[in-house]
């Protein structure tokens, strides 16, 4: 689609791409959503780097637009870091707002322990960032409808513009990212599935923007990506149960085994992040009565409690 927002002399490495009506995106990973209302602009998830935040502000200014507000869908650094260089009123979901404000809390939730800057092995990091107002997903913020998309993080939300363009943050992932990481990051396995199913049941008539993936222009493409994500989560659950039925393993041992099976390099970063998803699957299976923990050879292992298929 073409638009007079398609390029910017002031920001040659950043562009506004028209989606529908007054809704635009700024490409990236994550993609940033922009909604223009007269001479004002609203932004969702500005990204990671300070430089991206500055370029975003310069781009909007070059178009005669004032930045009215910024919504952060969740607390992960790659979605929030750029806000540190942006002066605008900011909003975030309850709980997520607390994590955005505190790097320490963010690390405890994301990695399970605090990582000092001298020993940070995660993929991304961001400082403490101010949030002006916390909201409950389901409320309207500015021109947007918000809705809960829990699973990837503790209280992630999505937003829908008046043009029926839905930004679903990290509730869905594109095929390239799934193949790259092998084990997508989820803190709550069952809630993640509920959020994915919500997208297909409630947003099928929208254009759907995936933060790390393609634009889903129609219901066929939405269905394809939904099925891809559900299939990967189902496969991971099967692999976890099968592996622990064969041999008791610690979370780290199991995570490394799964990454190798999926042809992903088990680097410290990959293991730390992927193990959070593996833990959420283990807890799901344990809660269903399939697994139990045991201390073997000075480590906590998990193994099958019953011998039957899932």
C-alpha atoms as a PDB file:
ATOM      1  CA  UNK A   1       0.000   0.000   0.000  1.00  0.00           C
ATOM      2  CA  UNK A   2       1.176   3.504  -0.723  1.00  0.00           C
ATOM      3  CA  UNK A   3       0.828   6.626   1.345  1.00  0.00           C
ATOM      4  CA  UNK A   4       2.509   9.965   1.797  1.00  0.00           C
ATOM      5  CA  UNK A   5       3.834   8.458   5.050  1.00  0.00           C
ATOM      6  CA  UNK A   6       5.792   5.814   3.124  1.00  0.00           C
ATOM      7  CA  UNK A   7       9.155   7.556   3.452  1.00  0.00           C
ATOM      8  CA  UNK A   8      10.870  10.194   5.526  1.00  0.00           C
ATOM      9  CA  UNK A   9      13.754  12.407   4.529  1.00  0.00           C
ATOM     10  CA  UNK A  10      14.246  13.295   8.177  1.00  0.00           C
ATOM     11  CA  UNK A  11      14.570   9.606   9.147  1.00  0.00           C
ATOM     12  CA  UNK A  12      15.964   7.727   6.147  1.00  0.00           C
ATOM     13  CA  UNK A  13      16.162   4.423   8.044  1.00  0.00           C
ATOM     14  CA  UNK A  14      12.627   4.536   9.420  1.00  0.00           C
ATOM     15  CA  UNK A  15       9.307   4.707   7.633  1.00  0.00           C
ATOM     16  CA  UNK A  16       5.598   4.716   8.347  1.00  0.00           C
ATOM     17  CA  UNK A  17       3.816   2.070   6.314  1.00  0.00           C
ATOM     18  CA  UNK A  18       0.091   2.454   5.769  1.00  0.00           C
ATOM     19  CA  UNK A  19      -2.085  -0.472   6.852  1.00  0.00           C
ATOM     20  CA  UNK A  20      -5.687   0.776   6.753  1.00  0.00           C
ATOM     21  CA  UNK A  21      -7.485   4.031   7.494  1.00  0.00           C
ATOM     22  CA  UNK A  22      -5.432   5.989  10.016  1.00  0.00           C
ATOM     23  CA  UNK A  23      -3.394   2.973  11.096  1.00  0.00           C
ATOM     24  CA  UNK A  24       0.304   2.602  10.237  1.00  0.00           C
ATOM     25  CA  UNK A  25       3.268   0.546  11.339  1.00  0.00           C
ATOM     26  CA  UNK A  26       6.976   1.179  11.693  1.00  0.00           C
ATOM     27  CA  UNK A  27       8.696  -2.041  10.606  1.00  0.00           C
ATOM     28  CA  UNK A  28      11.119  -3.694  12.959  1.00  0.00           C
ATOM     29  CA  UNK A  29      11.394  -6.534  15.408  1.00  0.00           C
ATOM     30  CA  UNK A  30       9.202  -5.738  17.152  1.00  0.00           C
ATOM     31  CA  UNK A  31       6.977  -3.908  14.709  1.00  0.00           C
ATOM     32  CA  UNK A  32       5.641  -0.642  16.158  1.00  0.00           C
ATOM     33  CA  UNK A  33       1.987   0.320  15.704  1.00  0.00           C
ATOM     34  CA  UNK A  34       1.092   3.972  14.994  1.00  0.00           C
ATOM     35  CA  UNK A  35      -2.406   5.447  14.919  1.00  0.00           C
ATOM     36  CA  UNK A  36      -2.869   8.997  13.587  1.00  0.00           C
ATOM     37  CA  UNK A  37      -5.771  11.102  14.839  1.00  0.00           C
ATOM     38  CA  UNK A  38      -5.700  14.532  13.199  1.00  0.00           C
ATOM     39  CA  UNK A  39      -2.411  16.151  14.169  1.00  0.00           C
ATOM     40  CA  UNK A  40      -1.777  13.642  16.969  1.00  0.00           C
ATOM     41  CA  UNK A  41      -0.160  10.216  16.894  1.00  0.00           C
ATOM     42  CA  UNK A  42      -0.411   7.278  19.283  1.00  0.00           C
ATOM     43  CA  UNK A  43       2.307   4.639  19.409  1.00  0.00           C
ATOM     44  CA  UNK A  44       2.260   1.028  20.618  1.00  0.00           C
ATOM     45  CA  UNK A  45       5.529  -0.716  21.579  1.00  0.00           C
ATOM     46  CA  UNK A  46       8.253   1.665  20.347  1.00  0.00           C
ATOM     47  CA  UNK A  47      10.998  -0.986  20.431  1.00  0.00           C
ATOM     48  CA  UNK A  48      14.342  -1.529  22.155  1.00  0.00           C
ATOM     49  CA  UNK A  49      17.027   1.027  21.330  1.00  0.00           C
ATOM     50  CA  UNK A  50      17.218   4.667  22.409  1.00  0.00           C
ATOM     51  CA  UNK A  51      18.102   5.491  18.808  1.00  0.00           C
ATOM     52  CA  UNK A  52      14.816   3.979  17.598  1.00  0.00           C
ATOM     53  CA  UNK A  53      12.881   6.137  20.046  1.00  0.00           C
ATOM     54  CA  UNK A  54      14.670   9.290  18.872  1.00  0.00           C
ATOM     55  CA  UNK A  55      14.169   8.383  15.212  1.00  0.00           C
ATOM     56  CA  UNK A  56      10.485   7.704  15.849  1.00  0.00           C
ATOM     57  CA  UNK A  57      10.019  11.144  17.441  1.00  0.00           C
ATOM     58  CA  UNK A  58      11.893  12.832  14.592  1.00  0.00           C
ATOM     59  CA  UNK A  59       9.789  10.999  12.021  1.00  0.00           C
ATOM     60  CA  UNK A  60       6.511  12.060  13.615  1.00  0.00           C
ATOM     61  CA  UNK A  61       7.747  15.641  13.998  1.00  0.00           C
ATOM     62  CA  UNK A  62       8.735  15.758  10.322  1.00  0.00           C
ATOM     63  CA  UNK A  63       5.112  14.906   9.479  1.00  0.00           C
ATOM     64  CA  UNK A  64       3.732  17.630  11.739  1.00  0.00           C
ATOM     65  CA  UNK A  65       2.459  15.092  14.257  1.00  0.00           C
ATOM     66  CA  UNK A  66       2.503  15.412  18.046  1.00  0.00           C
ATOM     67  CA  UNK A  67       3.028  12.215  20.030  1.00  0.00           C
ATOM     68  CA  UNK A  68      -0.063  11.999  22.233  1.00  0.00           C
ATOM     69  CA  UNK A  69       0.652   8.758  24.076  1.00  0.00           C
ATOM     70  CA  UNK A  70       2.546   5.467  24.114  1.00  0.00           C
ATOM     71  CA  UNK A  71       1.076   2.100  25.055  1.00  0.00           C
ATOM     72  CA  UNK A  72       3.379  -0.723  26.140  1.00  0.00           C
ATOM     73  CA  UNK A  73       1.734  -4.122  25.697  1.00  0.00           C
ATOM     74  CA  UNK A  74       4.073  -5.904  28.101  1.00  0.00           C
ATOM     75  CA  UNK A  75       7.319  -5.505  29.990  1.00  0.00           C
ATOM     76  CA  UNK A  76       9.939  -7.205  27.807  1.00  0.00           C
ATOM     77  CA  UNK A  77      12.939  -5.048  27.034  1.00  0.00           C
ATOM     78  CA  UNK A  78      12.707  -5.256  23.236  1.00  0.00           C
ATOM     79  CA  UNK A  79       9.269  -3.609  23.384  1.00  0.00           C
ATOM     80  CA  UNK A  80       9.932  -0.915  25.980  1.00  0.00           C
ATOM     81  CA  UNK A  81      13.590   0.210  25.847  1.00  0.00           C
ATOM     82  CA  UNK A  82      13.044   2.955  23.255  1.00  0.00           C
ATOM     83  CA  UNK A  83      10.630   4.729  25.601  1.00  0.00           C
ATOM     84  CA  UNK A  84      13.601   5.961  27.640  1.00  0.00           C
ATOM     85  CA  UNK A  85      14.322   8.481  24.845  1.00  0.00           C
ATOM     86  CA  UNK A  86      10.679   9.454  24.249  1.00  0.00           C
ATOM     87  CA  UNK A  87       8.810  12.211  26.087  1.00  0.00           C
ATOM     88  CA  UNK A  88       5.162  11.222  26.034  1.00  0.00           C
ATOM     89  CA  UNK A  89       2.491  10.010  28.434  1.00  0.00           C
ATOM     90  CA  UNK A  90       2.832   6.243  28.763  1.00  0.00           C
ATOM     91  CA  UNK A  91       0.424   3.427  29.590  1.00  0.00           C
ATOM     92  CA  UNK A  92       0.947  -0.239  30.449  1.00  0.00           C
ATOM     93  CA  UNK A  93      -1.195  -3.093  31.779  1.00  0.00           C
ATOM     94  CA  UNK A  94      -1.383  -3.640  35.512  1.00  0.00           C
ATOM     95  CA  UNK A  95       1.458  -5.809  36.847  1.00  0.00           C
ATOM     96  CA  UNK A  96       3.383  -5.269  33.605  1.00  0.00           C
ATOM     97  CA  UNK A  97       3.685  -1.594  34.616  1.00  0.00           C
ATOM     98  CA  UNK A  98       5.466  -2.625  37.833  1.00  0.00           C
ATOM     99  CA  UNK A  99       7.911  -4.764  35.857  1.00  0.00           C
ATOM    100  CA  UNK A 100       8.579  -1.977  33.360  1.00  0.00           C
ATOM    101  CA  UNK A 101       9.433   0.358  36.205  1.00  0.00           C
ATOM    102  CA  UNK A 102      11.824  -2.141  37.830  1.00  0.00           C
ATOM    103  CA  UNK A 103      14.642  -3.875  35.968  1.00  0.00           C
ATOM    104  CA  UNK A 104      15.199  -6.154  38.976  1.00  0.00           C
ATOM    105  CA  UNK A 105      11.585  -7.353  39.070  1.00  0.00           C
ATOM    106  CA  UNK A 106      11.616  -7.757  35.298  1.00  0.00           C
ATOM    107  CA  UNK A 107      14.613 -10.080  35.536  1.00  0.00           C
ATOM    108  CA  UNK A 108      13.089 -12.121  38.351  1.00  0.00           C
ATOM    109  CA  UNK A 109       9.976 -12.769  36.251  1.00  0.00           C
ATOM    110  CA  UNK A 110      11.743 -13.266  32.917  1.00  0.00           C
ATOM    111  CA  UNK A 111      14.783 -15.281  33.977  1.00  0.00           C
ATOM    112  CA  UNK A 112      13.992 -16.435  37.489  1.00  0.00           C
ATOM    113  CA  UNK A 113      16.881 -14.477  38.996  1.00  0.00           C
ATOM    114  CA  UNK A 114      18.425 -11.016  38.835  1.00  0.00           C
ATOM    115  CA  UNK A 115      21.199 -10.534  36.306  1.00  0.00           C
ATOM    116  CA  UNK A 116      23.672  -7.724  37.004  1.00  0.00           C
ATOM    117  CA  UNK A 117      24.757  -5.747  33.953  1.00  0.00           C
ATOM    118  CA  UNK A 118      28.217  -7.304  34.154  1.00  0.00           C
ATOM    119  CA  UNK A 119      26.698 -10.785  33.855  1.00  0.00           C
ATOM    120  CA  UNK A 120      23.649 -10.342  31.651  1.00  0.00           C
ATOM    121  CA  UNK A 121      23.095 -13.404  29.483  1.00  0.00           C
ATOM    122  CA  UNK A 122      19.611 -12.594  28.229  1.00  0.00           C
ATOM    123  CA  UNK A 123      19.048 -11.408  24.688  1.00  0.00           C
ATOM    124  CA  UNK A 124      17.846  -7.908  25.586  1.00  0.00           C
ATOM    125  CA  UNK A 125      17.998  -5.505  28.490  1.00  0.00           C
ATOM    126  CA  UNK A 126      16.457  -2.143  29.371  1.00  0.00           C
ATOM    127  CA  UNK A 127      16.734   0.200  32.365  1.00  0.00           C
ATOM    128  CA  UNK A 128      13.985   1.165  34.802  1.00  0.00           C
ATOM    129  CA  UNK A 129      11.375   2.982  32.699  1.00  0.00           C
ATOM    130  CA  UNK A 130       8.630   5.304  33.882  1.00  0.00           C
ATOM    131  CA  UNK A 131       4.988   4.361  33.289  1.00  0.00           C
ATOM    132  CA  UNK A 132       2.493   7.164  33.818  1.00  0.00           C
ATOM    133  CA  UNK A 133      -0.663   5.076  34.072  1.00  0.00           C
ATOM    134  CA  UNK A 134      -1.426   1.392  34.594  1.00  0.00           C
ATOM    135  CA  UNK A 135      -4.658   0.010  33.130  1.00  0.00           C
ATOM    136  CA  UNK A 136      -6.635  -3.195  33.170  1.00  0.00           C
ATOM    137  CA  UNK A 137      -6.730  -4.967  29.768  1.00  0.00           C
ATOM    138  CA  UNK A 138     -10.241  -4.534  28.445  1.00  0.00           C
ATOM    139  CA  UNK A 139     -10.253  -0.789  29.043  1.00  0.00           C
ATOM    140  CA  UNK A 140     -10.141   1.747  26.217  1.00  0.00           C
ATOM    141  CA  UNK A 141      -6.966   3.838  26.093  1.00  0.00           C
ATOM    142  CA  UNK A 142      -7.084   6.825  23.764  1.00  0.00           C
ATOM    143  CA  UNK A 143      -8.396   5.565  20.403  1.00  0.00           C
ATOM    144  CA  UNK A 144      -7.647   1.927  21.214  1.00  0.00           C
ATOM    145  CA  UNK A 145      -9.615  -0.984  22.565  1.00  0.00           C
ATOM    146  CA  UNK A 146      -7.367  -3.197  24.677  1.00  0.00           C
ATOM    147  CA  UNK A 147      -7.797  -6.894  25.440  1.00  0.00           C
ATOM    148  CA  UNK A 148      -5.850  -9.457  27.526  1.00  0.00           C
ATOM    149  CA  UNK A 149      -3.350 -11.763  25.817  1.00  0.00           C
ATOM    150  CA  UNK A 150      -1.751 -13.460  28.817  1.00  0.00           C
ATOM    151  CA  UNK A 151       0.792 -16.259  28.435  1.00  0.00           C
ATOM    152  CA  UNK A 152       3.899 -14.785  26.881  1.00  0.00           C
ATOM    153  CA  UNK A 153       4.086 -12.543  29.931  1.00  0.00           C
ATOM    154  CA  UNK A 154       2.072 -12.142  33.111  1.00  0.00           C
ATOM    155  CA  UNK A 155      -0.481  -9.589  31.881  1.00  0.00           C
ATOM    156  CA  UNK A 156       0.271  -8.832  28.238  1.00  0.00           C
ATOM    157  CA  UNK A 157      -2.426  -7.027  26.284  1.00  0.00           C
ATOM    158  CA  UNK A 158      -3.262  -6.463  22.647  1.00  0.00           C
ATOM    159  CA  UNK A 159      -4.818  -3.360  21.111  1.00  0.00           C
ATOM    160  CA  UNK A 160      -7.305  -2.750  18.317  1.00  0.00           C
ATOM    161  CA  UNK A 161      -7.544   0.498  16.370  1.00  0.00           C
ATOM    162  CA  UNK A 162     -10.831   1.996  15.113  1.00  0.00           C
ATOM    163  CA  UNK A 163      -9.793   0.698  11.663  1.00  0.00           C
ATOM    164  CA  UNK A 164     -10.078  -2.941  12.835  1.00  0.00           C
ATOM    165  CA  UNK A 165      -6.333  -3.435  12.894  1.00  0.00           C
ATOM    166  CA  UNK A 166      -5.294  -5.577  15.848  1.00  0.00           C
ATOM    167  CA  UNK A 167      -1.798  -5.531  17.334  1.00  0.00           C
ATOM    168  CA  UNK A 168      -1.337  -8.832  19.177  1.00  0.00           C
ATOM    169  CA  UNK A 169       2.166  -8.195  20.544  1.00  0.00           C
ATOM    170  CA  UNK A 170       3.923 -11.514  21.295  1.00  0.00           C
ATOM    171  CA  UNK A 171       0.830 -13.692  21.617  1.00  0.00           C
ATOM    172  CA  UNK A 172       1.701 -15.046  18.155  1.00  0.00           C
ATOM    173  CA  UNK A 173       5.057 -15.535  16.445  1.00  0.00           C
ATOM    174  CA  UNK A 174       5.935 -15.712  12.772  1.00  0.00           C
ATOM    175  CA  UNK A 175       7.241 -18.887  11.170  1.00  0.00           C
ATOM    176  CA  UNK A 176      10.793 -17.596  10.773  1.00  0.00           C
ATOM    177  CA  UNK A 177      11.147 -16.703  14.446  1.00  0.00           C
ATOM    178  CA  UNK A 178       9.669 -20.026  15.574  1.00  0.00           C
ATOM    179  CA  UNK A 179      12.180 -21.917  13.451  1.00  0.00           C
ATOM    180  CA  UNK A 180      15.008 -19.723  14.724  1.00  0.00           C
ATOM    181  CA  UNK A 181      14.320 -20.055  18.463  1.00  0.00           C
ATOM    182  CA  UNK A 182      12.711 -23.505  18.468  1.00  0.00           C
ATOM    183  CA  UNK A 183      10.980 -22.876  21.790  1.00  0.00           C
ATOM    184  CA  UNK A 184       8.982 -19.620  21.825  1.00  0.00           C
ATOM    185  CA  UNK A 185       8.982 -17.797  25.162  1.00  0.00           C
ATOM    186  CA  UNK A 186       5.898 -18.339  27.324  1.00  0.00           C
ATOM    187  CA  UNK A 187       5.534 -17.997  31.080  1.00  0.00           C
ATOM    188  CA  UNK A 188       2.118 -19.673  31.164  1.00  0.00           C
ATOM    189  CA  UNK A 189       1.516 -22.502  28.703  1.00  0.00           C
ATOM    190  CA  UNK A 190      -2.253 -22.853  29.137  1.00  0.00           C
ATOM    191  CA  UNK A 191      -2.908 -19.091  29.125  1.00  0.00           C
ATOM    192  CA  UNK A 192      -0.815 -18.772  25.967  1.00  0.00           C
ATOM    193  CA  UNK A 193      -3.058 -21.279  24.207  1.00  0.00           C
ATOM    194  CA  UNK A 194      -6.167 -19.435  25.408  1.00  0.00           C
ATOM    195  CA  UNK A 195      -4.785 -16.158  24.025  1.00  0.00           C
ATOM    196  CA  UNK A 196      -3.969 -17.703  20.653  1.00  0.00           C
ATOM    197  CA  UNK A 197      -7.467 -19.182  20.414  1.00  0.00           C
ATOM    198  CA  UNK A 198      -8.945 -15.799  21.404  1.00  0.00           C
ATOM    199  CA  UNK A 199      -7.229 -14.196  18.406  1.00  0.00           C
ATOM    200  CA  UNK A 200      -8.819 -16.590  15.927  1.00  0.00           C
ATOM    201  CA  UNK A 201     -12.227 -16.458  17.595  1.00  0.00           C
ATOM    202  CA  UNK A 202     -12.441 -12.677  18.013  1.00  0.00           C
ATOM    203  CA  UNK A 203     -10.053 -10.973  15.570  1.00  0.00           C
ATOM    204  CA  UNK A 204     -10.530 -13.063  12.452  1.00  0.00           C
ATOM    205  CA  UNK A 205     -12.071 -10.130  10.545  1.00  0.00           C
ATOM    206  CA  UNK A 206      -9.210  -7.772  11.494  1.00  0.00           C
ATOM    207  CA  UNK A 207      -5.841  -7.168   9.933  1.00  0.00           C
ATOM    208  CA  UNK A 208      -3.522  -8.646  12.568  1.00  0.00           C
ATOM    209  CA  UNK A 209      -0.079  -7.252  13.330  1.00  0.00           C
ATOM    210  CA  UNK A 210       2.356  -9.736  14.872  1.00  0.00           C
ATOM    211  CA  UNK A 211       5.251  -8.052  16.675  1.00  0.00           C
ATOM    212  CA  UNK A 212       7.830 -10.511  15.387  1.00  0.00           C
ATOM    213  CA  UNK A 213       6.293 -11.805  12.200  1.00  0.00           C
ATOM    214  CA  UNK A 214       4.302 -11.024   9.070  1.00  0.00           C
ATOM    215  CA  UNK A 215       1.239  -8.826   8.685  1.00  0.00           C
ATOM    216  CA  UNK A 216      -1.817 -11.082   8.575  1.00  0.00           C
ATOM    217  CA  UNK A 217      -4.028  -9.407   5.977  1.00  0.00           C
ATOM    218  CA  UNK A 218      -6.919 -11.887   5.930  1.00  0.00           C
ATOM    219  CA  UNK A 219      -8.544 -14.715   7.847  1.00  0.00           C
ATOM    220  CA  UNK A 220      -6.680 -17.398   5.894  1.00  0.00           C
ATOM    221  CA  UNK A 221      -3.323 -15.990   6.965  1.00  0.00           C
ATOM    222  CA  UNK A 222      -4.525 -15.517  10.542  1.00  0.00           C
ATOM    223  CA  UNK A 223      -5.663 -19.140  10.649  1.00  0.00           C
ATOM    224  CA  UNK A 224      -2.347 -20.372   9.219  1.00  0.00           C
ATOM    225  CA  UNK A 225      -0.216 -18.565  11.831  1.00  0.00           C
ATOM    226  CA  UNK A 226      -2.587 -19.521  14.658  1.00  0.00           C
ATOM    227  CA  UNK A 227      -2.328 -23.180  13.657  1.00  0.00           C
ATOM    228  CA  UNK A 228       1.469 -22.912  13.371  1.00  0.00           C
ATOM    229  CA  UNK A 229       1.744 -21.547  16.907  1.00  0.00           C
ATOM    230  CA  UNK A 230      -0.699 -24.045  18.393  1.00  0.00           C
ATOM    231  CA  UNK A 231       1.076 -26.880  16.615  1.00  0.00           C
ATOM    232  CA  UNK A 232       4.458 -25.829  18.010  1.00  0.00           C
ATOM    233  CA  UNK A 233       3.089 -25.610  21.561  1.00  0.00           C
ATOM    234  CA  UNK A 234       1.428 -29.021  21.237  1.00  0.00           C
ATOM    235  CA  UNK A 235       4.627 -30.541  19.852  1.00  0.00           C
ATOM    236  CA  UNK A 236       6.664 -29.110  22.718  1.00  0.00           C
ATOM    237  CA  UNK A 237       4.280 -30.564  25.289  1.00  0.00           C
ATOM    238  CA  UNK A 238       4.549 -33.987  23.617  1.00  0.00           C
ATOM    239  CA  UNK A 239       8.357 -33.783  23.521  1.00  0.00           C
ATOM    240  CA  UNK A 240       8.552 -32.797  27.191  1.00  0.00           C
ATOM    241  CA  UNK A 241       6.389 -35.728  28.267  1.00  0.00           C
ATOM    242  CA  UNK A 242       8.106 -38.231  25.970  1.00  0.00           C
ATOM    243  CA  UNK A 243      11.577 -37.152  27.121  1.00  0.00           C
ATOM    244  CA  UNK A 244      10.686 -37.345  30.812  1.00  0.00           C
ATOM    245  CA  UNK A 245       9.009 -40.724  30.296  1.00  0.00           C
ATOM    246  CA  UNK A 246      12.311 -42.063  28.975  1.00  0.00           C
ATOM    247  CA  UNK A 247      14.589 -40.623  31.658  1.00  0.00           C
ATOM    248  CA  UNK A 248      14.405 -38.220  34.628  1.00  0.00           C
ATOM    249  CA  UNK A 249      15.936 -34.865  33.668  1.00  0.00           C
ATOM    250  CA  UNK A 250      16.464 -31.477  35.243  1.00  0.00           C
ATOM    251  CA  UNK A 251      14.862 -28.446  33.609  1.00  0.00           C
ATOM    252  CA  UNK A 252      18.201 -27.380  32.116  1.00  0.00           C
ATOM    253  CA  UNK A 253      18.998 -30.875  30.822  1.00  0.00           C
ATOM    254  CA  UNK A 254      15.568 -31.167  29.260  1.00  0.00           C
ATOM    255  CA  UNK A 255      15.762 -27.693  27.698  1.00  0.00           C
ATOM    256  CA  UNK A 256      19.140 -28.427  26.126  1.00  0.00           C
ATOM    257  CA  UNK A 257      17.857 -31.745  24.791  1.00  0.00           C
ATOM    258  CA  UNK A 258      14.815 -30.089  23.204  1.00  0.00           C
ATOM    259  CA  UNK A 259      16.851 -27.283  21.642  1.00  0.00           C
ATOM    260  CA  UNK A 260      19.176 -29.846  20.054  1.00  0.00           C
ATOM    261  CA  UNK A 261      16.202 -31.836  18.749  1.00  0.00           C
ATOM    262  CA  UNK A 262      14.913 -28.622  17.175  1.00  0.00           C
ATOM    263  CA  UNK A 263      18.352 -27.812  15.705  1.00  0.00           C
ATOM    264  CA  UNK A 264      18.828 -24.701  17.837  1.00  0.00           C
ATOM    265  CA  UNK A 265      22.208 -23.913  19.393  1.00  0.00           C
ATOM    266  CA  UNK A 266      21.876 -24.304  23.198  1.00  0.00           C
ATOM    267  CA  UNK A 267      23.689 -21.086  24.117  1.00  0.00           C
ATOM    268  CA  UNK A 268      23.338 -19.771  27.684  1.00  0.00           C
ATOM    269  CA  UNK A 269      20.836 -17.152  26.461  1.00  0.00           C
ATOM    270  CA  UNK A 270      18.769 -19.695  24.570  1.00  0.00           C
ATOM    271  CA  UNK A 271      18.735 -22.109  27.496  1.00  0.00           C
ATOM    272  CA  UNK A 272      17.780 -19.445  30.066  1.00  0.00           C
ATOM    273  CA  UNK A 273      14.892 -18.129  27.951  1.00  0.00           C
ATOM    274  CA  UNK A 274      13.661 -21.474  26.628  1.00  0.00           C
ATOM    275  CA  UNK A 275      13.726 -23.042  30.092  1.00  0.00           C
ATOM    276  CA  UNK A 276      10.924 -20.681  31.164  1.00  0.00           C
ATOM    277  CA  UNK A 277       8.632 -22.199  28.545  1.00  0.00           C
ATOM    278  CA  UNK A 278       9.773 -25.696  29.484  1.00  0.00           C
ATOM    279  CA  UNK A 279       9.007 -24.981  33.158  1.00  0.00           C
ATOM    280  CA  UNK A 280       5.513 -23.791  32.262  1.00  0.00           C
ATOM    281  CA  UNK A 281       4.878 -27.037  30.341  1.00  0.00           C
ATOM    282  CA  UNK A 282       6.251 -29.147  33.196  1.00  0.00           C
ATOM    283  CA  UNK A 283       3.956 -27.392  35.671  1.00  0.00           C
ATOM    284  CA  UNK A 284       1.012 -27.945  33.311  1.00  0.00           C
ATOM    285  CA  UNK A 285       1.786 -31.676  33.089  1.00  0.00           C
ATOM    286  CA  UNK A 286       2.446 -31.968  36.836  1.00  0.00           C
ATOM    287  CA  UNK A 287      -0.861 -30.246  37.590  1.00  0.00           C
ATOM    288  CA  UNK A 288      -2.584 -32.770  35.317  1.00  0.00           C
ATOM    289  CA  UNK A 289      -0.955 -35.608  37.254  1.00  0.00           C
ATOM    290  CA  UNK A 290       1.523 -36.727  34.609  1.00  0.00           C
ATOM    291  CA  UNK A 291       4.831 -35.668  36.187  1.00  0.00           C
ATOM    292  CA  UNK A 292       6.443 -35.485  39.600  1.00  0.00           C
ATOM    293  CA  UNK A 293       9.749 -34.032  40.857  1.00  0.00           C
ATOM    294  CA  UNK A 294      12.529 -35.922  42.591  1.00  0.00           C
ATOM    295  CA  UNK A 295      16.037 -35.102  43.782  1.00  0.00           C
ATOM    296  CA  UNK A 296      18.500 -37.369  41.960  1.00  0.00           C
ATOM    297  CA  UNK A 297      22.285 -36.935  42.050  1.00  0.00           C
ATOM    298  CA  UNK A 298      22.074 -33.532  43.761  1.00  0.00           C
ATOM    299  CA  UNK A 299      19.633 -31.979  41.287  1.00  0.00           C
ATOM    300  CA  UNK A 300      15.879 -31.644  40.960  1.00  0.00           C
ATOM    301  CA  UNK A 301      14.640 -33.851  38.141  1.00  0.00           C
ATOM    302  CA  UNK A 302      11.221 -34.477  36.682  1.00  0.00           C
ATOM    303  CA  UNK A 303       9.899 -37.797  35.464  1.00  0.00           C
ATOM    304  CA  UNK A 304       6.713 -39.494  34.378  1.00  0.00           C
ATOM    305  CA  UNK A 305       4.316 -40.332  37.191  1.00  0.00           C
ATOM    306  CA  UNK A 306       2.093 -42.588  35.101  1.00  0.00           C
ATOM    307  CA  UNK A 307       2.643 -44.622  31.947  1.00  0.00           C
ATOM    308  CA  UNK A 308       0.053 -43.456  29.450  1.00  0.00           C
ATOM    309  CA  UNK A 309      -0.169 -41.171  26.464  1.00  0.00           C
ATOM    310  CA  UNK A 310      -1.201 -37.531  26.804  1.00  0.00           C
END
